[in-house]
């Protein structure tokens, strides 16, 4: 530094306060599906995941005087498949637009939805905008099947009673009663009746996911938490419960 130069004033010190962010709860991101994107929310399972893209080709026999018949493979530039890195299911794209499953405002299906009911939920999602009545019928079948599967009961009414004895939340019970009482009026002899609208369909989507969350997801999580206890403590708790249970 040149001794003859005047001393420069020190920069003004400014202090600000802020959080470290260590206690911030991370929020799940909803990443809109985009053609050829490497990461977005899967339209099949509803989880934001890495995406693998698969090219599609046509194969046909073409004739020319020089080569006669020749097997020709052509890549389709306007159509492709995306495969989710989480559920491994595929989605179909045409001219950069998602074709299957059809885009919908329906809530994402619970990842714990049993496999035998996933098709009902996905089909309801696909037709919810075009035909609310068809979507409602599919969701009613989904809800009824879920209850029977969870309880092992053959009748919907008995399944609801069994779930109530297991502690089914009151809000879900009331919604289930509406489904049970209106079911025969809405679906009869394979034909659709009633005035189901988008609001009804939205409630049925939430009901199906709520049943899965209460009967499957939460119990699985609690069971996993219990199994983290040392084996000796688990045996002690089981013996204590057995002793307190009336004969």
C-alpha atoms as a PDB file:
ATOM      1  CA  UNK A   1       0.000   0.000   0.000  1.00  0.00           C
ATOM      2  CA  UNK A   2       1.314   3.494  -0.856  1.00  0.00           C
ATOM      3  CA  UNK A   3       2.101   5.412   2.353  1.00  0.00           C
ATOM      4  CA  UNK A   4       1.210   8.715   0.677  1.00  0.00           C
ATOM      5  CA  UNK A   5      -2.317   7.548  -0.195  1.00  0.00           C
ATOM      6  CA  UNK A   6      -5.065   8.564   2.230  1.00  0.00           C
ATOM      7  CA  UNK A   7      -6.485   5.902   4.532  1.00  0.00           C
ATOM      8  CA  UNK A   8      -9.689   4.350   3.246  1.00  0.00           C
ATOM      9  CA  UNK A   9     -12.623   4.145   5.664  1.00  0.00           C
ATOM     10  CA  UNK A  10     -13.607   0.683   6.846  1.00  0.00           C
ATOM     11  CA  UNK A  11     -16.813  -0.665   5.240  1.00  0.00           C
ATOM     12  CA  UNK A  12     -19.885  -0.287   7.365  1.00  0.00           C
ATOM     13  CA  UNK A  13     -20.685  -3.457   9.309  1.00  0.00           C
ATOM     14  CA  UNK A  14     -24.251  -4.659   8.932  1.00  0.00           C
ATOM     15  CA  UNK A  15     -25.675  -7.496  11.013  1.00  0.00           C
ATOM     16  CA  UNK A  16     -28.803  -9.429  10.178  1.00  0.00           C
ATOM     17  CA  UNK A  17     -30.586 -12.169  12.040  1.00  0.00           C
ATOM     18  CA  UNK A  18     -31.892 -15.407  10.555  1.00  0.00           C
ATOM     19  CA  UNK A  19     -32.549 -19.060  11.228  1.00  0.00           C
ATOM     20  CA  UNK A  20     -29.998 -21.785  10.527  1.00  0.00           C
ATOM     21  CA  UNK A  21     -32.709 -23.810   8.798  1.00  0.00           C
ATOM     22  CA  UNK A  22     -31.709 -26.988  10.627  1.00  0.00           C
ATOM     23  CA  UNK A  23     -35.171 -27.380  12.127  1.00  0.00           C
ATOM     24  CA  UNK A  24     -37.050 -26.553   8.964  1.00  0.00           C
ATOM     25  CA  UNK A  25     -39.340 -29.355   7.900  1.00  0.00           C
ATOM     26  CA  UNK A  26     -38.675 -30.353   4.318  1.00  0.00           C
ATOM     27  CA  UNK A  27     -41.771 -30.135   2.143  1.00  0.00           C
ATOM     28  CA  UNK A  28     -42.412 -32.620  -0.651  1.00  0.00           C
ATOM     29  CA  UNK A  29     -42.154 -31.011  -4.066  1.00  0.00           C
ATOM     30  CA  UNK A  30     -44.820 -31.407  -6.719  1.00  0.00           C
ATOM     31  CA  UNK A  31     -42.851 -31.488  -9.957  1.00  0.00           C
ATOM     32  CA  UNK A  32     -45.064 -31.192 -13.035  1.00  0.00           C
ATOM     33  CA  UNK A  33     -44.464 -33.979 -15.586  1.00  0.00           C
ATOM     34  CA  UNK A  34     -42.651 -32.703 -18.669  1.00  0.00           C
ATOM     35  CA  UNK A  35     -41.736 -34.503 -21.886  1.00  0.00           C
ATOM     36  CA  UNK A  36     -38.142 -35.856 -21.773  1.00  0.00           C
ATOM     37  CA  UNK A  37     -37.593 -34.459 -18.250  1.00  0.00           C
ATOM     38  CA  UNK A  38     -35.348 -36.597 -16.065  1.00  0.00           C
ATOM     39  CA  UNK A  39     -37.262 -35.942 -12.821  1.00  0.00           C
ATOM     40  CA  UNK A  40     -40.921 -35.223 -12.054  1.00  0.00           C
ATOM     41  CA  UNK A  41     -43.897 -36.422 -10.033  1.00  0.00           C
ATOM     42  CA  UNK A  42     -44.910 -39.788 -11.435  1.00  0.00           C
ATOM     43  CA  UNK A  43     -48.488 -39.734 -12.830  1.00  0.00           C
ATOM     44  CA  UNK A  44     -48.878 -43.383 -11.786  1.00  0.00           C
ATOM     45  CA  UNK A  45     -47.721 -43.447  -8.135  1.00  0.00           C
ATOM     46  CA  UNK A  46     -47.649 -39.718  -7.318  1.00  0.00           C
ATOM     47  CA  UNK A  47     -44.043 -39.739  -6.041  1.00  0.00           C
ATOM     48  CA  UNK A  48     -41.425 -37.319  -7.388  1.00  0.00           C
ATOM     49  CA  UNK A  49     -38.829 -39.636  -8.908  1.00  0.00           C
ATOM     50  CA  UNK A  50     -36.137 -39.996 -11.533  1.00  0.00           C
ATOM     51  CA  UNK A  51     -37.571 -40.892 -14.947  1.00  0.00           C
ATOM     52  CA  UNK A  52     -36.107 -43.189 -17.605  1.00  0.00           C
ATOM     53  CA  UNK A  53     -37.170 -42.568 -21.209  1.00  0.00           C
ATOM     54  CA  UNK A  54     -37.802 -45.376 -23.686  1.00  0.00           C
ATOM     55  CA  UNK A  55     -37.884 -44.795 -27.440  1.00  0.00           C
ATOM     56  CA  UNK A  56     -40.574 -46.508 -29.513  1.00  0.00           C
ATOM     57  CA  UNK A  57     -40.042 -47.954 -32.986  1.00  0.00           C
ATOM     58  CA  UNK A  58     -42.151 -49.349 -35.783  1.00  0.00           C
ATOM     59  CA  UNK A  59     -40.996 -52.466 -37.624  1.00  0.00           C
ATOM     60  CA  UNK A  60     -42.266 -53.192 -41.119  1.00  0.00           C
ATOM     61  CA  UNK A  61     -41.277 -54.912 -44.333  1.00  0.00           C
ATOM     62  CA  UNK A  62     -40.507 -52.501 -47.198  1.00  0.00           C
ATOM     63  CA  UNK A  63     -39.991 -53.383 -50.861  1.00  0.00           C
ATOM     64  CA  UNK A  64     -37.484 -51.835 -53.249  1.00  0.00           C
ATOM     65  CA  UNK A  65     -36.097 -52.991 -56.582  1.00  0.00           C
ATOM     66  CA  UNK A  66     -32.553 -52.945 -55.244  1.00  0.00           C
ATOM     67  CA  UNK A  67     -33.047 -54.940 -52.029  1.00  0.00           C
ATOM     68  CA  UNK A  68     -36.453 -56.560 -52.643  1.00  0.00           C
ATOM     69  CA  UNK A  69     -38.128 -57.028 -49.261  1.00  0.00           C
ATOM     70  CA  UNK A  70     -36.258 -55.624 -46.284  1.00  0.00           C
ATOM     71  CA  UNK A  71     -37.144 -55.394 -42.609  1.00  0.00           C
ATOM     72  CA  UNK A  72     -37.092 -51.718 -41.670  1.00  0.00           C
ATOM     73  CA  UNK A  73     -37.127 -50.216 -38.172  1.00  0.00           C
ATOM     74  CA  UNK A  74     -38.213 -46.597 -37.763  1.00  0.00           C
ATOM     75  CA  UNK A  75     -37.957 -44.551 -34.583  1.00  0.00           C
ATOM     76  CA  UNK A  76     -41.146 -42.656 -33.719  1.00  0.00           C
ATOM     77  CA  UNK A  77     -40.107 -39.105 -32.900  1.00  0.00           C
ATOM     78  CA  UNK A  78     -43.572 -38.034 -31.717  1.00  0.00           C
ATOM     79  CA  UNK A  79     -44.163 -40.849 -29.201  1.00  0.00           C
ATOM     80  CA  UNK A  80     -42.224 -42.222 -26.204  1.00  0.00           C
ATOM     81  CA  UNK A  81     -42.588 -43.934 -22.838  1.00  0.00           C
ATOM     82  CA  UNK A  82     -41.384 -42.655 -19.475  1.00  0.00           C
ATOM     83  CA  UNK A  83     -40.673 -45.160 -16.691  1.00  0.00           C
ATOM     84  CA  UNK A  84     -40.764 -44.149 -13.028  1.00  0.00           C
ATOM     85  CA  UNK A  85     -37.704 -44.976 -10.964  1.00  0.00           C
ATOM     86  CA  UNK A  86     -39.869 -45.643  -7.891  1.00  0.00           C
ATOM     87  CA  UNK A  87     -42.869 -47.714  -9.009  1.00  0.00           C
ATOM     88  CA  UNK A  88     -41.326 -48.821 -12.355  1.00  0.00           C
ATOM     89  CA  UNK A  89     -44.656 -48.193 -14.092  1.00  0.00           C
ATOM     90  CA  UNK A  90     -44.735 -46.490 -17.485  1.00  0.00           C
ATOM     91  CA  UNK A  91     -46.550 -43.501 -18.946  1.00  0.00           C
ATOM     92  CA  UNK A  92     -47.295 -42.885 -22.634  1.00  0.00           C
ATOM     93  CA  UNK A  93     -46.483 -39.551 -24.316  1.00  0.00           C
ATOM     94  CA  UNK A  94     -47.613 -38.338 -27.767  1.00  0.00           C
ATOM     95  CA  UNK A  95     -46.426 -35.104 -29.369  1.00  0.00           C
ATOM     96  CA  UNK A  96     -44.864 -34.067 -26.039  1.00  0.00           C
ATOM     97  CA  UNK A  97     -48.174 -34.475 -24.166  1.00  0.00           C
ATOM     98  CA  UNK A  98     -49.017 -37.046 -21.509  1.00  0.00           C
ATOM     99  CA  UNK A  99     -51.608 -39.446 -22.964  1.00  0.00           C
ATOM    100  CA  UNK A 100     -51.741 -42.239 -20.368  1.00  0.00           C
ATOM    101  CA  UNK A 101     -52.566 -41.965 -17.598  1.00  0.00           C
ATOM    102  CA  UNK A 102     -54.729 -39.009 -18.524  1.00  0.00           C
ATOM    103  CA  UNK A 103     -53.922 -35.824 -16.628  1.00  0.00           C
ATOM    104  CA  UNK A 104     -56.341 -35.233 -13.795  1.00  0.00           C
ATOM    105  CA  UNK A 105     -56.864 -33.102 -10.726  1.00  0.00           C
ATOM    106  CA  UNK A 106     -57.571 -36.261  -8.706  1.00  0.00           C
ATOM    107  CA  UNK A 107     -55.367 -36.718  -5.622  1.00  0.00           C
ATOM    108  CA  UNK A 108     -52.430 -39.074  -6.080  1.00  0.00           C
ATOM    109  CA  UNK A 109     -53.152 -42.661  -5.137  1.00  0.00           C
ATOM    110  CA  UNK A 110     -51.653 -43.792  -1.839  1.00  0.00           C
ATOM    111  CA  UNK A 111     -48.461 -45.817  -2.454  1.00  0.00           C
ATOM    112  CA  UNK A 112     -49.851 -48.388   0.030  1.00  0.00           C
ATOM    113  CA  UNK A 113     -53.000 -48.997  -2.033  1.00  0.00           C
ATOM    114  CA  UNK A 114     -53.272 -52.809  -2.452  1.00  0.00           C
ATOM    115  CA  UNK A 115     -52.394 -53.947  -5.971  1.00  0.00           C
ATOM    116  CA  UNK A 116     -55.830 -55.466  -6.629  1.00  0.00           C
ATOM    117  CA  UNK A 117     -57.510 -52.050  -6.218  1.00  0.00           C
ATOM    118  CA  UNK A 118     -54.972 -49.860  -7.994  1.00  0.00           C
ATOM    119  CA  UNK A 119     -56.599 -50.419 -11.386  1.00  0.00           C
ATOM    120  CA  UNK A 120     -60.000 -49.187 -10.119  1.00  0.00           C
ATOM    121  CA  UNK A 121     -58.382 -46.030  -8.741  1.00  0.00           C
ATOM    122  CA  UNK A 122     -56.334 -45.387 -11.889  1.00  0.00           C
ATOM    123  CA  UNK A 123     -59.334 -45.906 -14.187  1.00  0.00           C
ATOM    124  CA  UNK A 124     -61.402 -43.557 -12.029  1.00  0.00           C
ATOM    125  CA  UNK A 125     -58.638 -40.972 -12.329  1.00  0.00           C
ATOM    126  CA  UNK A 126     -58.613 -41.349 -16.111  1.00  0.00           C
ATOM    127  CA  UNK A 127     -62.392 -40.833 -16.549  1.00  0.00           C
ATOM    128  CA  UNK A 128     -63.135 -38.487 -13.626  1.00  0.00           C
ATOM    129  CA  UNK A 129     -63.301 -35.360 -15.800  1.00  0.00           C
ATOM    130  CA  UNK A 130     -65.237 -36.877 -18.705  1.00  0.00           C
ATOM    131  CA  UNK A 131     -67.638 -39.030 -16.672  1.00  0.00           C
ATOM    132  CA  UNK A 132     -67.976 -38.340 -12.932  1.00  0.00           C
ATOM    133  CA  UNK A 133     -70.648 -41.049 -12.640  1.00  0.00           C
ATOM    134  CA  UNK A 134     -68.327 -43.707 -14.067  1.00  0.00           C
ATOM    135  CA  UNK A 135     -65.501 -42.554 -11.794  1.00  0.00           C
ATOM    136  CA  UNK A 136     -67.817 -42.633  -8.755  1.00  0.00           C
ATOM    137  CA  UNK A 137     -68.920 -46.184  -9.588  1.00  0.00           C
ATOM    138  CA  UNK A 138     -65.302 -47.351  -9.851  1.00  0.00           C
ATOM    139  CA  UNK A 139     -64.382 -45.655  -6.585  1.00  0.00           C
ATOM    140  CA  UNK A 140     -67.352 -47.173  -4.765  1.00  0.00           C
ATOM    141  CA  UNK A 141     -66.175 -50.605  -5.895  1.00  0.00           C
ATOM    142  CA  UNK A 142     -62.665 -49.687  -4.751  1.00  0.00           C
ATOM    143  CA  UNK A 143     -63.858 -48.592  -1.294  1.00  0.00           C
ATOM    144  CA  UNK A 144     -66.091 -51.630  -0.846  1.00  0.00           C
ATOM    145  CA  UNK A 145     -63.334 -53.988  -1.970  1.00  0.00           C
ATOM    146  CA  UNK A 146     -60.841 -52.339   0.362  1.00  0.00           C
ATOM    147  CA  UNK A 147     -63.111 -52.772   3.377  1.00  0.00           C
ATOM    148  CA  UNK A 148     -63.827 -56.413   2.598  1.00  0.00           C
ATOM    149  CA  UNK A 149     -60.164 -57.169   1.978  1.00  0.00           C
ATOM    150  CA  UNK A 150     -58.964 -55.476   5.172  1.00  0.00           C
ATOM    151  CA  UNK A 151     -61.542 -57.188   7.414  1.00  0.00           C
ATOM    152  CA  UNK A 152     -61.974 -60.497   5.595  1.00  0.00           C
ATOM    153  CA  UNK A 153     -65.759 -59.983   5.598  1.00  0.00           C
ATOM    154  CA  UNK A 154     -67.882 -60.939   2.613  1.00  0.00           C
ATOM    155  CA  UNK A 155     -70.552 -58.256   3.037  1.00  0.00           C
ATOM    156  CA  UNK A 156     -69.942 -54.511   2.947  1.00  0.00           C
ATOM    157  CA  UNK A 157     -72.163 -53.875   5.983  1.00  0.00           C
ATOM    158  CA  UNK A 158     -70.272 -56.457   8.049  1.00  0.00           C
ATOM    159  CA  UNK A 159     -66.948 -55.019   6.910  1.00  0.00           C
ATOM    160  CA  UNK A 160     -67.963 -51.533   8.107  1.00  0.00           C
ATOM    161  CA  UNK A 161     -69.016 -52.920  11.505  1.00  0.00           C
ATOM    162  CA  UNK A 162     -65.699 -54.771  11.817  1.00  0.00           C
ATOM    163  CA  UNK A 163     -63.758 -51.600  11.031  1.00  0.00           C
ATOM    164  CA  UNK A 164     -65.787 -49.653  13.589  1.00  0.00           C
ATOM    165  CA  UNK A 165     -64.841 -52.184  16.272  1.00  0.00           C
ATOM    166  CA  UNK A 166     -61.193 -51.639  15.291  1.00  0.00           C
ATOM    167  CA  UNK A 167     -61.521 -47.915  16.010  1.00  0.00           C
ATOM    168  CA  UNK A 168     -62.346 -46.470  12.590  1.00  0.00           C
ATOM    169  CA  UNK A 169     -62.394 -42.643  12.921  1.00  0.00           C
ATOM    170  CA  UNK A 170     -65.885 -41.154  13.136  1.00  0.00           C
ATOM    171  CA  UNK A 171     -65.422 -38.978  10.038  1.00  0.00           C
ATOM    172  CA  UNK A 172     -64.570 -42.014   7.919  1.00  0.00           C
ATOM    173  CA  UNK A 173     -67.489 -43.935   9.465  1.00  0.00           C
ATOM    174  CA  UNK A 174     -69.993 -41.268   8.393  1.00  0.00           C
ATOM    175  CA  UNK A 175     -68.622 -41.224   4.846  1.00  0.00           C
ATOM    176  CA  UNK A 176     -68.768 -45.019   4.742  1.00  0.00           C
ATOM    177  CA  UNK A 177     -72.423 -45.002   5.818  1.00  0.00           C
ATOM    178  CA  UNK A 178     -73.246 -42.666   2.925  1.00  0.00           C
ATOM    179  CA  UNK A 179     -71.493 -45.021   0.496  1.00  0.00           C
ATOM    180  CA  UNK A 180     -73.309 -48.046   1.929  1.00  0.00           C
ATOM    181  CA  UNK A 181     -76.784 -46.459   1.921  1.00  0.00           C
ATOM    182  CA  UNK A 182     -76.501 -44.938  -1.556  1.00  0.00           C
ATOM    183  CA  UNK A 183     -74.676 -47.811  -3.201  1.00  0.00           C
ATOM    184  CA  UNK A 184     -77.752 -49.719  -4.327  1.00  0.00           C
ATOM    185  CA  UNK A 185     -79.287 -46.554  -5.760  1.00  0.00           C
ATOM    186  CA  UNK A 186     -76.171 -45.593  -7.701  1.00  0.00           C
ATOM    187  CA  UNK A 187     -75.218 -49.003  -9.049  1.00  0.00           C
ATOM    188  CA  UNK A 188     -77.900 -51.533  -9.911  1.00  0.00           C
ATOM    189  CA  UNK A 189     -77.823 -54.404 -12.401  1.00  0.00           C
ATOM    190  CA  UNK A 190     -74.646 -53.058 -14.008  1.00  0.00           C
ATOM    191  CA  UNK A 191     -76.211 -49.695 -14.872  1.00  0.00           C
ATOM    192  CA  UNK A 192     -75.309 -46.244 -13.514  1.00  0.00           C
ATOM    193  CA  UNK A 193     -77.840 -44.033 -11.828  1.00  0.00           C
ATOM    194  CA  UNK A 194     -77.729 -40.987  -9.593  1.00  0.00           C
ATOM    195  CA  UNK A 195     -76.360 -37.495  -9.970  1.00  0.00           C
ATOM    196  CA  UNK A 196     -72.723 -37.964  -8.959  1.00  0.00           C
ATOM    197  CA  UNK A 197     -70.696 -34.846  -9.752  1.00  0.00           C
ATOM    198  CA  UNK A 198     -67.070 -33.767  -9.433  1.00  0.00           C
ATOM    199  CA  UNK A 199     -67.547 -32.904  -5.756  1.00  0.00           C
ATOM    200  CA  UNK A 200     -68.794 -36.429  -4.996  1.00  0.00           C
ATOM    201  CA  UNK A 201     -65.926 -37.973  -6.941  1.00  0.00           C
ATOM    202  CA  UNK A 202     -63.406 -35.817  -5.091  1.00  0.00           C
ATOM    203  CA  UNK A 203     -64.759 -37.018  -1.737  1.00  0.00           C
ATOM    204  CA  UNK A 204     -64.614 -40.657  -2.891  1.00  0.00           C
ATOM    205  CA  UNK A 205     -60.972 -40.273  -3.930  1.00  0.00           C
ATOM    206  CA  UNK A 206     -60.135 -38.871  -0.492  1.00  0.00           C
ATOM    207  CA  UNK A 207     -62.152 -41.590   1.238  1.00  0.00           C
ATOM    208  CA  UNK A 208     -60.266 -44.386  -0.536  1.00  0.00           C
ATOM    209  CA  UNK A 209     -56.919 -42.850   0.399  1.00  0.00           C
ATOM    210  CA  UNK A 210     -58.078 -42.214   3.992  1.00  0.00           C
ATOM    211  CA  UNK A 211     -59.020 -45.867   4.469  1.00  0.00           C
ATOM    212  CA  UNK A 212     -55.613 -46.978   3.200  1.00  0.00           C
ATOM    213  CA  UNK A 213     -53.839 -44.412   5.395  1.00  0.00           C
ATOM    214  CA  UNK A 214     -55.678 -45.505   8.552  1.00  0.00           C
ATOM    215  CA  UNK A 215     -55.917 -49.266   8.012  1.00  0.00           C
ATOM    216  CA  UNK A 216     -52.619 -49.953   6.237  1.00  0.00           C
ATOM    217  CA  UNK A 217     -50.064 -47.124   6.288  1.00  0.00           C
ATOM    218  CA  UNK A 218     -50.368 -46.039   9.916  1.00  0.00           C
ATOM    219  CA  UNK A 219     -50.534 -49.590  11.269  1.00  0.00           C
ATOM    220  CA  UNK A 220     -47.484 -50.581   9.206  1.00  0.00           C
ATOM    221  CA  UNK A 221     -45.551 -47.592  10.511  1.00  0.00           C
ATOM    222  CA  UNK A 222     -46.540 -48.288  14.113  1.00  0.00           C
ATOM    223  CA  UNK A 223     -45.620 -51.952  13.724  1.00  0.00           C
ATOM    224  CA  UNK A 224     -42.207 -50.992  12.349  1.00  0.00           C
ATOM    225  CA  UNK A 225     -41.711 -48.659  15.328  1.00  0.00           C
ATOM    226  CA  UNK A 226     -42.648 -51.442  17.758  1.00  0.00           C
ATOM    227  CA  UNK A 227     -40.277 -53.894  16.107  1.00  0.00           C
ATOM    228  CA  UNK A 228     -37.386 -51.505  16.703  1.00  0.00           C
ATOM    229  CA  UNK A 229     -37.623 -52.303  20.430  1.00  0.00           C
ATOM    230  CA  UNK A 230     -35.202 -54.945  21.747  1.00  0.00           C
ATOM    231  CA  UNK A 231     -36.663 -58.436  21.683  1.00  0.00           C
ATOM    232  CA  UNK A 232     -36.618 -58.776  25.475  1.00  0.00           C
ATOM    233  CA  UNK A 233     -38.698 -55.621  25.922  1.00  0.00           C
ATOM    234  CA  UNK A 234     -41.188 -56.763  23.289  1.00  0.00           C
ATOM    235  CA  UNK A 235     -41.647 -60.101  25.060  1.00  0.00           C
ATOM    236  CA  UNK A 236     -42.152 -58.312  28.372  1.00  0.00           C
ATOM    237  CA  UNK A 237     -44.812 -56.039  26.875  1.00  0.00           C
ATOM    238  CA  UNK A 238     -46.583 -58.981  25.215  1.00  0.00           C
ATOM    239  CA  UNK A 239     -46.625 -60.918  28.504  1.00  0.00           C
ATOM    240  CA  UNK A 240     -47.984 -57.870  30.317  1.00  0.00           C
ATOM    241  CA  UNK A 241     -50.784 -57.425  27.768  1.00  0.00           C
ATOM    242  CA  UNK A 242     -51.641 -61.134  27.907  1.00  0.00           C
ATOM    243  CA  UNK A 243     -51.877 -61.003  31.714  1.00  0.00           C
ATOM    244  CA  UNK A 244     -54.192 -57.980  31.631  1.00  0.00           C
ATOM    245  CA  UNK A 245     -56.500 -59.425  28.963  1.00  0.00           C
ATOM    246  CA  UNK A 246     -59.638 -60.961  30.519  1.00  0.00           C
ATOM    247  CA  UNK A 247     -60.203 -64.665  29.721  1.00  0.00           C
END
